């Protein structure tokens, strides 16, 4: 098993994914991988571990759509508050107001 993006892009991609998700060095991932199947399992486990908190938070938010709608509404109001003066100034500067 070796990390060679030019000659072995698929294996190298899996190695990079494991390294990126676990914080391990590429050399350490290569040294620990004995087979392609084992590397794929490591990549799967590492990606699932990284995404677990995201999935958990998504599930929490999905249980309260009213909260999500309120966050969107608050964000839209904040954006309008920040951008309206700039947009009015731009319209005035080009003679559209």
PDB file of N, CA and C in Angstrom:
ATOM      1  N   UNK A   1       0.853  -1.154   0.000  1.00  0.00           N
ATOM      2  CA  UNK A   1       0.000   0.000   0.000  1.00  0.00           C
ATOM      3  C   UNK A   1       0.909   1.230   0.000  1.00  0.00           C
ATOM      4  N   UNK A   2       0.637   2.145  -0.962  1.00  0.00           N
ATOM      5  CA  UNK A   2       1.450   3.360  -1.009  1.00  0.00           C
ATOM      6  C   UNK A   2       0.587   4.548  -1.416  1.00  0.00           C
ATOM      7  N   UNK A   3       1.028   5.722  -1.005  1.00  0.00           N
ATOM      8  CA  UNK A   3       0.357   6.966  -1.352  1.00  0.00           C
ATOM      9  C   UNK A   3       1.046   7.524  -2.582  1.00  0.00           C
ATOM     10  N   UNK A   4       0.366   7.396  -3.724  1.00  0.00           N
ATOM     11  CA  UNK A   4       0.908   7.872  -4.996  1.00  0.00           C
ATOM     12  C   UNK A   4      -0.275   8.361  -5.836  1.00  0.00           C
ATOM     13  N   UNK A   5      -0.643   9.639  -5.691  1.00  0.00           N
ATOM     14  CA  UNK A   5      -1.822  10.150  -6.389  1.00  0.00           C
ATOM     15  C   UNK A   5      -1.784   9.969  -7.903  1.00  0.00           C
ATOM     16  N   UNK A   6      -0.613  10.003  -8.491  1.00  0.00           N
ATOM     17  CA  UNK A   6      -0.514   9.841  -9.937  1.00  0.00           C
ATOM     18  C   UNK A   6      -0.768   8.421 -10.392  1.00  0.00           C
ATOM     19  N   UNK A   7      -0.172   7.464  -9.725  1.00  0.00           N
ATOM     20  CA  UNK A   7      -0.272   6.072 -10.123  1.00  0.00           C
ATOM     21  C   UNK A   7      -1.432   5.341  -9.440  1.00  0.00           C
ATOM     22  N   UNK A   8      -1.791   5.758  -8.235  1.00  0.00           N
ATOM     23  CA  UNK A   8      -2.839   5.079  -7.470  1.00  0.00           C
ATOM     24  C   UNK A   8      -3.793   6.117  -6.871  1.00  0.00           C
ATOM     25  N   UNK A   9      -4.552   6.806  -7.731  1.00  0.00           N
ATOM     26  CA  UNK A   9      -5.405   7.887  -7.221  1.00  0.00           C
ATOM     27  C   UNK A   9      -6.502   7.412  -6.272  1.00  0.00           C
ATOM     28  N   UNK A  10      -7.080   6.251  -6.507  1.00  0.00           N
ATOM     29  CA  UNK A  10      -8.144   5.751  -5.640  1.00  0.00           C
ATOM     30  C   UNK A  10      -7.641   5.430  -4.251  1.00  0.00           C
ATOM     31  N   UNK A  11      -6.538   4.701  -4.174  1.00  0.00           N
ATOM     32  CA  UNK A  11      -5.944   4.351  -2.888  1.00  0.00           C
ATOM     33  C   UNK A  11      -5.457   5.618  -2.186  1.00  0.00           C
ATOM     34  N   UNK A  12      -4.835   6.511  -2.929  1.00  0.00           N
ATOM     35  CA  UNK A  12      -4.332   7.756  -2.345  1.00  0.00           C
ATOM     36  C   UNK A  12      -5.472   8.599  -1.789  1.00  0.00           C
ATOM     37  N   UNK A  13      -6.602   8.615  -2.492  1.00  0.00           N
ATOM     38  CA  UNK A  13      -7.763   9.360  -2.008  1.00  0.00           C
ATOM     39  C   UNK A  13      -8.248   8.783  -0.681  1.00  0.00           C
ATOM     40  N   UNK A  14      -8.341   7.471  -0.593  1.00  0.00           N
ATOM     41  CA  UNK A  14      -8.760   6.843   0.667  1.00  0.00           C
ATOM     42  C   UNK A  14      -7.775   7.162   1.790  1.00  0.00           C
ATOM     43  N   UNK A  15      -6.507   7.109   1.483  1.00  0.00           N
ATOM     44  CA  UNK A  15      -5.481   7.430   2.489  1.00  0.00           C
ATOM     45  C   UNK A  15      -5.648   8.878   2.951  1.00  0.00           C
ATOM     46  N   UNK A  16      -5.851   9.792   2.012  1.00  0.00           N
ATOM     47  CA  UNK A  16      -6.047  11.201   2.356  1.00  0.00           C
ATOM     48  C   UNK A  16      -7.298  11.399   3.208  1.00  0.00           C
ATOM     49  N   UNK A  17      -8.370  10.678   2.880  1.00  0.00           N
ATOM     50  CA  UNK A  17      -9.597  10.784   3.664  1.00  0.00           C
ATOM     51  C   UNK A  17      -9.378  10.313   5.101  1.00  0.00           C
ATOM     52  N   UNK A  18      -8.719   9.181   5.252  1.00  0.00           N
ATOM     53  CA  UNK A  18      -8.451   8.665   6.602  1.00  0.00           C
ATOM     54  C   UNK A  18      -7.570   9.657   7.361  1.00  0.00           C
ATOM     55  N   UNK A  19      -6.524  10.137   6.722  1.00  0.00           N
ATOM     56  CA  UNK A  19      -5.617  11.080   7.381  1.00  0.00           C
ATOM     57  C   UNK A  19      -6.357  12.362   7.769  1.00  0.00           C
ATOM     58  N   UNK A  20      -7.150  12.882   6.861  1.00  0.00           N
ATOM     59  CA  UNK A  20      -7.869  14.121   7.131  1.00  0.00           C
ATOM     60  C   UNK A  20      -8.920  13.987   8.216  1.00  0.00           C
ATOM     61  N   UNK A  21      -9.602  12.871   8.237  1.00  0.00           N
ATOM     62  CA  UNK A  21     -10.676  12.669   9.219  1.00  0.00           C
ATOM     63  C   UNK A  21     -10.160  12.291  10.600  1.00  0.00           C
ATOM     64  N   UNK A  22      -8.984  11.714  10.655  1.00  0.00           N
ATOM     65  CA  UNK A  22      -8.468  11.248  11.941  1.00  0.00           C
ATOM     66  C   UNK A  22      -7.352  12.122  12.495  1.00  0.00           C
ATOM     67  N   UNK A  23      -6.801  12.991  11.664  1.00  0.00           N
ATOM     68  CA  UNK A  23      -5.683  13.816  12.108  1.00  0.00           C
ATOM     69  C   UNK A  23      -4.353  13.090  12.090  1.00  0.00           C
ATOM     70  N   UNK A  24      -4.348  11.893  11.534  1.00  0.00           N
ATOM     71  CA  UNK A  24      -3.105  11.118  11.441  1.00  0.00           C
ATOM     72  C   UNK A  24      -2.309  11.565  10.219  1.00  0.00           C
ATOM     73  N   UNK A  25      -1.024  11.298  10.253  1.00  0.00           N
ATOM     74  CA  UNK A  25      -0.184  11.600   9.100  1.00  0.00           C
ATOM     75  C   UNK A  25      -0.407  10.545   8.020  1.00  0.00           C
ATOM     76  N   UNK A  26      -0.239  10.952   6.775  1.00  0.00           N
ATOM     77  CA  UNK A  26      -0.403  10.041   5.637  1.00  0.00           C
ATOM     78  C   UNK A  26       0.496   8.820   5.824  1.00  0.00           C
ATOM     79  N   UNK A  27       1.719   9.038   6.255  1.00  0.00           N
ATOM     80  CA  UNK A  27       2.669   7.935   6.434  1.00  0.00           C
ATOM     81  C   UNK A  27       2.159   6.928   7.468  1.00  0.00           C
ATOM     82  N   UNK A  28       1.510   7.434   8.516  1.00  0.00           N
ATOM     83  CA  UNK A  28       0.978   6.543   9.546  1.00  0.00           C
ATOM     84  C   UNK A  28      -0.200   5.725   9.027  1.00  0.00           C
ATOM     85  N   UNK A  29      -1.018   6.358   8.199  1.00  0.00           N
ATOM     86  CA  UNK A  29      -2.161   5.638   7.616  1.00  0.00           C
ATOM     87  C   UNK A  29      -1.655   4.543   6.693  1.00  0.00           C
ATOM     88  N   UNK A  30      -0.687   4.876   5.866  1.00  0.00           N
ATOM     89  CA  UNK A  30      -0.115   3.891   4.940  1.00  0.00           C
ATOM     90  C   UNK A  30       0.489   2.726   5.720  1.00  0.00           C
ATOM     91  N   UNK A  31       1.201   3.015   6.787  1.00  0.00           N
ATOM     92  CA  UNK A  31       1.837   1.967   7.583  1.00  0.00           C
ATOM     93  C   UNK A  31       0.837   1.059   8.281  1.00  0.00           C
ATOM     94  N   UNK A  32      -0.343   1.590   8.597  1.00  0.00           N
ATOM     95  CA  UNK A  32      -1.347   0.805   9.319  1.00  0.00           C
ATOM     96  C   UNK A  32      -2.256   0.020   8.385  1.00  0.00           C
ATOM     97  N   UNK A  33      -2.311   0.395   7.129  1.00  0.00           N
ATOM     98  CA  UNK A  33      -3.203  -0.279   6.181  1.00  0.00           C
ATOM     99  C   UNK A  33      -2.510  -1.505   5.602  1.00  0.00           C
ATOM    100  N   UNK A  34      -3.104  -2.664   5.826  1.00  0.00           N
ATOM    101  CA  UNK A  34      -2.494  -3.898   5.335  1.00  0.00           C
ATOM    102  C   UNK A  34      -3.115  -4.357   4.021  1.00  0.00           C
ATOM    103  N   UNK A  35      -4.394  -4.064   3.838  1.00  0.00           N
ATOM    104  CA  UNK A  35      -5.082  -4.448   2.596  1.00  0.00           C
ATOM    105  C   UNK A  35      -5.968  -3.298   2.147  1.00  0.00           C
ATOM    106  N   UNK A  36      -6.373  -3.380   0.894  1.00  0.00           N
ATOM    107  CA  UNK A  36      -7.278  -2.373   0.345  1.00  0.00           C
ATOM    108  C   UNK A  36      -8.607  -2.398   1.092  1.00  0.00           C
ATOM    109  N   UNK A  37      -9.081  -3.582   1.413  1.00  0.00           N
ATOM    110  CA  UNK A  37     -10.332  -3.717   2.166  1.00  0.00           C
ATOM    111  C   UNK A  37     -10.237  -3.086   3.542  1.00  0.00           C
ATOM    112  N   UNK A  38      -9.108  -3.284   4.208  1.00  0.00           N
ATOM    113  CA  UNK A  38      -8.901  -2.690   5.533  1.00  0.00           C
ATOM    114  C   UNK A  38      -8.845  -1.167   5.434  1.00  0.00           C
ATOM    115  N   UNK A  39      -8.229  -0.664   4.370  1.00  0.00           N
ATOM    116  CA  UNK A  39      -8.160   0.787   4.156  1.00  0.00           C
ATOM    117  C   UNK A  39      -9.558   1.356   3.927  1.00  0.00           C
ATOM    118  N   UNK A  40     -10.366   0.661   3.127  1.00  0.00           N
ATOM    119  CA  UNK A  40     -11.741   1.112   2.885  1.00  0.00           C
ATOM    120  C   UNK A  40     -12.534   1.134   4.190  1.00  0.00           C
ATOM    121  N   UNK A  41     -12.338   0.137   5.035  1.00  0.00           N
ATOM    122  CA  UNK A  41     -13.022   0.090   6.330  1.00  0.00           C
ATOM    123  C   UNK A  41     -12.575   1.247   7.213  1.00  0.00           C
ATOM    124  N   UNK A  42     -11.266   1.526   7.228  1.00  0.00           N
ATOM    125  CA  UNK A  42     -10.762   2.663   7.996  1.00  0.00           C
ATOM    126  C   UNK A  42     -11.375   3.969   7.500  1.00  0.00           C
ATOM    127  N   UNK A  43     -11.458   4.122   6.182  1.00  0.00           N
ATOM    128  CA  UNK A  43     -12.031   5.347   5.610  1.00  0.00           C
ATOM    129  C   UNK A  43     -13.493   5.480   6.002  1.00  0.00           C
ATOM    130  N   UNK A  44     -14.240   4.398   5.890  1.00  0.00           N
ATOM    131  CA  UNK A  44     -15.658   4.421   6.262  1.00  0.00           C
ATOM    132  C   UNK A  44     -15.831   4.794   7.731  1.00  0.00           C
ATOM    133  N   UNK A  45     -15.081   4.148   8.596  1.00  0.00           N
ATOM    134  CA  UNK A  45     -15.183   4.422  10.029  1.00  0.00           C
ATOM    135  C   UNK A  45     -14.812   5.870  10.351  1.00  0.00           C
ATOM    136  N   UNK A  46     -13.768   6.367   9.710  1.00  0.00           N
ATOM    137  CA  UNK A  46     -13.311   7.731   9.969  1.00  0.00           C
ATOM    138  C   UNK A  46     -14.338   8.758   9.507  1.00  0.00           C
ATOM    139  N   UNK A  47     -14.922   8.533   8.339  1.00  0.00           N
ATOM    140  CA  UNK A  47     -15.912   9.477   7.804  1.00  0.00           C
ATOM    141  C   UNK A  47     -17.180   9.451   8.643  1.00  0.00           C
ATOM    142  N   UNK A  48     -17.619   8.270   9.016  1.00  0.00           N
ATOM    143  CA  UNK A  48     -18.812   8.155   9.867  1.00  0.00           C
ATOM    144  C   UNK A  48     -18.582   8.867  11.195  1.00  0.00           C
ATOM    145  N   UNK A  49     -17.388   8.727  11.770  1.00  0.00           N
ATOM    146  CA  UNK A  49     -17.088   9.372  13.042  1.00  0.00           C
ATOM    147  C   UNK A  49     -17.101  10.898  12.921  1.00  0.00           C
ATOM    148  N   UNK A  50     -16.583  11.407  11.811  1.00  0.00           N
ATOM    149  CA  UNK A  50     -16.569  12.858  11.603  1.00  0.00           C
ATOM    150  C   UNK A  50     -17.981  13.391  11.393  1.00  0.00           C
ATOM    151  N   UNK A  51     -18.807  12.637  10.689  1.00  0.00           N
ATOM    152  CA  UNK A  51     -20.157  13.110  10.374  1.00  0.00           C
ATOM    153  C   UNK A  51     -21.174  12.855  11.480  1.00  0.00           C
ATOM    154  N   UNK A  52     -20.840  12.036  12.453  1.00  0.00           N
ATOM    155  CA  UNK A  52     -21.799  11.703  13.520  1.00  0.00           C
ATOM    156  C   UNK A  52     -22.345  12.931  14.237  1.00  0.00           C
ATOM    157  N   UNK A  53     -21.522  13.905  14.639  1.00  0.00           N
ATOM    158  CA  UNK A  53     -22.081  15.086  15.296  1.00  0.00           C
ATOM    159  C   UNK A  53     -22.985  15.910  14.374  1.00  0.00           C
ATOM    160  N   UNK A  54     -22.658  15.949  13.099  1.00  0.00           N
ATOM    161  CA  UNK A  54     -23.488  16.676  12.138  1.00  0.00           C
ATOM    162  C   UNK A  54     -24.845  15.989  12.013  1.00  0.00           C
ATOM    163  N   UNK A  55     -24.836  14.667  11.910  1.00  0.00           N
ATOM    164  CA  UNK A  55     -26.088  13.922  11.817  1.00  0.00           C
ATOM    165  C   UNK A  55     -26.923  14.084  13.081  1.00  0.00           C
ATOM    166  N   UNK A  56     -26.263  14.090  14.226  1.00  0.00           N
ATOM    167  CA  UNK A  56     -26.987  14.254  15.491  1.00  0.00           C
ATOM    168  C   UNK A  56     -27.641  15.636  15.551  1.00  0.00           C
ATOM    169  N   UNK A  57     -26.896  16.663  15.177  1.00  0.00           N
ATOM    170  CA  UNK A  57     -27.457  18.021  15.208  1.00  0.00           C
ATOM    171  C   UNK A  57     -28.584  18.162  14.197  1.00  0.00           C
ATOM    172  N   UNK A  58     -28.449  17.568  13.035  1.00  0.00           N
ATOM    173  CA  UNK A  58     -29.512  17.599  12.036  1.00  0.00           C
ATOM    174  C   UNK A  58     -30.784  16.971  12.605  1.00  0.00           C
ATOM    175  N   UNK A  59     -30.638  15.837  13.267  1.00  0.00           N
ATOM    176  CA  UNK A  59     -31.796  15.159  13.855  1.00  0.00           C
ATOM    177  C   UNK A  59     -32.455  16.041  14.909  1.00  0.00           C
ATOM    178  N   UNK A  60     -31.648  16.725  15.713  1.00  0.00           N
ATOM    179  CA  UNK A  60     -32.202  17.625  16.722  1.00  0.00           C
ATOM    180  C   UNK A  60     -32.990  18.763  16.069  1.00  0.00           C
ATOM    181  N   UNK A  61     -32.428  19.350  15.033  1.00  0.00           N
ATOM    182  CA  UNK A  61     -33.098  20.459  14.351  1.00  0.00           C
ATOM    183  C   UNK A  61     -34.349  19.993  13.616  1.00  0.00           C
ATOM    184  N   UNK A  62     -34.301  18.797  13.075  1.00  0.00           N
ATOM    185  CA  UNK A  62     -35.460  18.258  12.354  1.00  0.00           C
ATOM    186  C   UNK A  62     -36.648  18.048  13.286  1.00  0.00           C
ATOM    187  N   UNK A  63     -36.377  17.847  14.567  1.00  0.00           N
ATOM    188  CA  UNK A  63     -37.457  17.663  15.534  1.00  0.00           C
ATOM    189  C   UNK A  63     -38.181  18.965  15.864  1.00  0.00           C
ATOM    190  N   UNK A  64     -37.582  20.109  15.541  1.00  0.00           N
ATOM    191  CA  UNK A  64     -38.179  21.402  15.871  1.00  0.00           C
ATOM    192  C   UNK A  64     -38.136  22.332  14.661  1.00  0.00           C
ATOM    193  N   UNK A  65     -38.984  22.078  13.655  1.00  0.00           N
ATOM    194  CA  UNK A  65     -38.954  22.919  12.456  1.00  0.00           C
ATOM    195  C   UNK A  65     -39.310  24.379  12.748  1.00  0.00           C
ATOM    196  N   UNK A  66     -40.079  24.629  13.793  1.00  0.00           N
ATOM    197  CA  UNK A  66     -40.408  26.011  14.150  1.00  0.00           C
ATOM    198  C   UNK A  66     -39.166  26.797  14.531  1.00  0.00           C
ATOM    199  N   UNK A  67     -38.259  26.152  15.233  1.00  0.00           N
ATOM    200  CA  UNK A  67     -36.999  26.804  15.607  1.00  0.00           C
ATOM    201  C   UNK A  67     -36.188  27.143  14.354  1.00  0.00           C
ATOM    202  N   UNK A  68     -36.117  26.201  13.442  1.00  0.00           N
ATOM    203  CA  UNK A  68     -35.368  26.424  12.206  1.00  0.00           C
ATOM    204  C   UNK A  68     -35.985  27.581  11.418  1.00  0.00           C
ATOM    205  N   UNK A  69     -37.306  27.600  11.312  1.00  0.00           N
ATOM    206  CA  UNK A  69     -37.982  28.703  10.618  1.00  0.00           C
ATOM    207  C   UNK A  69     -37.669  30.038  11.282  1.00  0.00           C
ATOM    208  N   UNK A  70     -37.627  30.063  12.607  1.00  0.00           N
ATOM    209  CA  UNK A  70     -37.318  31.303  13.326  1.00  0.00           C
ATOM    210  C   UNK A  70     -35.886  31.757  13.077  1.00  0.00           C
ATOM    211  N   UNK A  71     -34.966  30.808  13.035  1.00  0.00           N
ATOM    212  CA  UNK A  71     -33.571  31.151  12.739  1.00  0.00           C
ATOM    213  C   UNK A  71     -33.474  31.763  11.349  1.00  0.00           C
ATOM    214  N   UNK A  72     -34.171  31.169  10.371  1.00  0.00           N
ATOM    215  CA  UNK A  72     -34.181  31.724   9.015  1.00  0.00           C
ATOM    216  C   UNK A  72     -34.776  33.127   9.009  1.00  0.00           C
ATOM    217  N   UNK A  73     -35.881  33.312   9.695  1.00  0.00           N
ATOM    218  CA  UNK A  73     -36.550  34.618   9.726  1.00  0.00           C
ATOM    219  C   UNK A  73     -35.642  35.660  10.390  1.00  0.00           C
ATOM    220  N   UNK A  74     -35.010  35.289  11.483  1.00  0.00           N
ATOM    221  CA  UNK A  74     -34.097  36.215  12.159  1.00  0.00           C
ATOM    222  C   UNK A  74     -32.923  36.579  11.260  1.00  0.00           C
ATOM    223  N   UNK A  75     -32.409  35.600  10.549  1.00  0.00           N
ATOM    224  CA  UNK A  75     -31.295  35.854   9.629  1.00  0.00           C
ATOM    225  C   UNK A  75     -31.699  36.772   8.496  1.00  0.00           C
ATOM    226  N   UNK A  76     -32.887  36.546   7.953  1.00  0.00           N
ATOM    227  CA  UNK A  76     -33.373  37.408   6.868  1.00  0.00           C
ATOM    228  C   UNK A  76     -33.549  38.839   7.358  1.00  0.00           C
ATOM    229  N   UNK A  77     -34.104  39.001   8.552  1.00  0.00           N
ATOM    230  CA  UNK A  77     -34.303  40.345   9.110  1.00  0.00           C
ATOM    231  C   UNK A  77     -32.961  41.032   9.342  1.00  0.00           C
ATOM    232  N   UNK A  78     -32.011  40.286   9.854  1.00  0.00           N
ATOM    233  CA  UNK A  78     -30.680  40.844  10.104  1.00  0.00           C
ATOM    234  C   UNK A  78     -30.017  41.268   8.796  1.00  0.00           C
ATOM    235  N   UNK A  79     -30.155  40.441   7.770  1.00  0.00           N
ATOM    236  CA  UNK A  79     -29.574  40.775   6.462  1.00  0.00           C
ATOM    237  C   UNK A  79     -30.196  42.044   5.896  1.00  0.00           C
ATOM    238  N   UNK A  80     -31.510  42.146   5.977  1.00  0.00           N
ATOM    239  CA  UNK A  80     -32.185  43.344   5.478  1.00  0.00           C
ATOM    240  C   UNK A  80     -31.734  44.585   6.235  1.00  0.00           C
ATOM    241  N   UNK A  81     -31.601  44.459   7.538  1.00  0.00           N
ATOM    242  CA  UNK A  81     -31.162  45.585   8.359  1.00  0.00           C
ATOM    243  C   UNK A  81     -29.767  46.053   7.945  1.00  0.00           C
ATOM    244  N   UNK A  82     -28.892  45.110   7.652  1.00  0.00           N
ATOM    245  CA  UNK A  82     -27.517  45.445   7.281  1.00  0.00           C
ATOM    246  C   UNK A  82     -27.399  45.948   5.841  1.00  0.00           C
ATOM    247  N   UNK A  83     -28.178  45.373   4.942  1.00  0.00           N
ATOM    248  CA  UNK A  83     -27.975  45.668   3.517  1.00  0.00           C
ATOM    249  C   UNK A  83     -28.845  46.782   2.973  1.00  0.00           C
ATOM    250  N   UNK A  84     -29.973  47.062   3.600  1.00  0.00           N
ATOM    251  CA  UNK A  84     -30.880  48.084   3.070  1.00  0.00           C
ATOM    252  C   UNK A  84     -30.202  49.446   2.927  1.00  0.00           C
ATOM    253  N   UNK A  85     -29.473  49.942   3.940  1.00  0.00           N
ATOM    254  CA  UNK A  85     -28.822  51.245   3.748  1.00  0.00           C
ATOM    255  C   UNK A  85     -27.807  51.247   2.601  1.00  0.00           C
ATOM    256  N   UNK A  86     -27.087  50.173   2.446  1.00  0.00           N
ATOM    257  CA  UNK A  86     -26.097  50.084   1.371  1.00  0.00           C
ATOM    258  C   UNK A  86     -26.794  50.076   0.019  1.00  0.00           C
ATOM    259  N   UNK A  87     -27.854  49.289  -0.090  1.00  0.00           N
ATOM    260  CA  UNK A  87     -28.592  49.214  -1.347  1.00  0.00           C
ATOM    261  C   UNK A  87     -29.231  50.560  -1.683  1.00  0.00           C
ATOM    262  N   UNK A  88     -29.797  51.240  -0.691  1.00  0.00           N
ATOM    263  CA  UNK A  88     -30.395  52.561  -0.935  1.00  0.00           C
ATOM    264  C   UNK A  88     -29.337  53.556  -1.376  1.00  0.00           C
ATOM    265  N   UNK A  89     -28.166  53.524  -0.773  1.00  0.00           N
ATOM    266  CA  UNK A  89     -27.085  54.420  -1.170  1.00  0.00           C
ATOM    267  C   UNK A  89     -26.638  54.141  -2.607  1.00  0.00           C
ATOM    268  N   UNK A  90     -26.561  52.853  -2.949  1.00  0.00           N
ATOM    269  CA  UNK A  90     -26.167  52.492  -4.320  1.00  0.00           C
ATOM    270  C   UNK A  90     -27.218  52.945  -5.316  1.00  0.00           C
ATOM    271  N   UNK A  91     -28.485  52.727  -5.000  1.00  0.00           N
ATOM    272  CA  UNK A  91     -29.555  53.175  -5.899  1.00  0.00           C
ATOM    273  C   UNK A  91     -29.528  54.679  -6.062  1.00  0.00           C
ATOM    274  N   UNK A  92     -29.306  55.402  -4.979  1.00  0.00           N
ATOM    275  CA  UNK A  92     -29.252  56.852  -5.040  1.00  0.00           C
ATOM    276  C   UNK A  92     -28.062  57.306  -5.880  1.00  0.00           C
ATOM    277  N   UNK A  93     -26.927  56.644  -5.706  1.00  0.00           N
ATOM    278  CA  UNK A  93     -25.719  57.023  -6.437  1.00  0.00           C
ATOM    279  C   UNK A  93     -25.872  56.858  -7.941  1.00  0.00           C
ATOM    280  N   UNK A  94     -26.675  55.883  -8.360  1.00  0.00           N
ATOM    281  CA  UNK A  94     -26.838  55.683  -9.811  1.00  0.00           C
ATOM    282  C   UNK A  94     -28.168  56.260 -10.336  1.00  0.00           C
ATOM    283  N   UNK A  95     -28.863  56.967  -9.446  1.00  0.00           N
ATOM    284  CA  UNK A  95     -30.069  57.673  -9.861  1.00  0.00           C
ATOM    285  C   UNK A  95     -31.315  56.828  -9.970  1.00  0.00           C
ATOM    286  N   UNK A  96     -31.429  55.774  -9.192  1.00  0.00           N
ATOM    287  CA  UNK A  96     -32.600  54.917  -9.262  1.00  0.00           C
ATOM    288  C   UNK A  96     -33.586  55.154  -8.129  1.00  0.00           C
ATOM    289  N   UNK A  97     -33.289  56.064  -7.209  1.00  0.00           N
ATOM    290  CA  UNK A  97     -34.237  56.252  -6.104  1.00  0.00           C
ATOM    291  C   UNK A  97     -35.045  57.516  -6.251  1.00  0.00           C
TER     292      UNK A  97
END
